[in-house]
C-alpha cells in the first residue's frame, strides 16, 4: 500500500504587526519633551538676560 500524501498548499506568511503606531507615539513623546526643554531653556535665558540688564541699570 502506498502512503497517502496531501497536495502541498501554499504556506501562509505571518503578517508582521506594523510598529508604526508605537513609533508615532514615541516620536510624539520625544517631540513633546523637546518642546518642553526648549521652552525651559528660553525662559531661563530670558530671565538671566533680564536680571543682567536690571543689574546694569542700577
Protein backbone atom coordinates (compact mmCIF):
# COMPACT_ATOMS: atom_id res chain seq x y z
CA UNK A 1 0.00 0.00 0.00
CA UNK A 2 1.23 3.43 -0.86
CA UNK A 3 1.36 6.24 1.65
CA UNK A 4 -1.31 8.83 1.23
CA UNK A 5 0.07 12.30 0.64
CA UNK A 6 -1.78 15.55 0.74
CA UNK A 7 -1.29 18.03 -2.04
CA UNK A 8 1.02 20.79 -0.89
CA UNK A 9 -0.69 24.07 -0.20
CA UNK A 10 0.97 27.46 -0.21
CA UNK A 11 2.42 28.32 3.18
CA UNK A 12 0.78 31.26 4.84
CA UNK A 13 3.07 34.11 5.58
CA UNK A 14 2.69 35.51 9.04
CA UNK A 15 1.80 39.15 8.78
CA UNK A 16 4.10 41.29 10.82
CA UNK A 17 2.31 43.75 13.00
CA UNK A 18 3.33 47.20 11.94
CA UNK A 19 5.32 49.10 14.56
CA UNK A 20 4.10 52.37 13.03
CA UNK A 21 1.66 53.30 15.85
CA UNK A 22 4.29 52.65 18.50
CA UNK A 23 6.87 54.60 16.54
CA UNK A 24 4.46 57.51 16.05
CA UNK A 25 3.66 57.60 19.75
CA UNK A 26 7.36 57.51 20.60
CA UNK A 27 8.14 60.31 18.15
CA UNK A 28 5.31 62.41 19.56
CA UNK A 29 6.62 61.87 23.07
CA UNK A 30 10.15 62.87 22.07
CA UNK A 31 8.87 65.94 20.21
CA UNK A 32 6.82 67.00 23.24
CA UNK A 33 9.79 66.57 25.54
CA UNK A 34 12.00 68.59 23.18
CA UNK A 35 9.40 71.37 23.09
CA UNK A 36 9.23 71.47 26.89
CA UNK A 37 13.02 71.63 27.09
CA UNK A 38 13.16 74.45 24.53
CA UNK A 39 10.62 76.49 26.49
CA UNK A 40 12.51 75.89 29.73
CA UNK A 41 15.83 76.97 28.21
CA UNK A 42 14.29 80.05 26.60
CA UNK A 43 12.62 81.07 29.86
CA UNK A 44 15.80 80.61 31.86
CA UNK A 45 17.97 82.51 29.41
CA UNK A 46 15.39 85.29 29.21
CA UNK A 47 15.31 85.60 32.98
CA UNK A 48 19.11 85.72 33.14
CA UNK A 49 19.24 88.42 30.46
CA UNK A 50 16.60 90.49 32.26
CA UNK A 51 18.50 90.14 35.54
CA UNK A 52 21.73 91.27 33.86
CA UNK A 53 20.00 94.26 32.27
CA UNK A 54 18.44 95.21 35.60
CA UNK A 55 21.79 94.88 37.38
CA UNK A 56 23.46 97.05 34.76
CA UNK A 57 20.72 99.67 35.01
CA UNK A 58 21.00 100.04 38.77
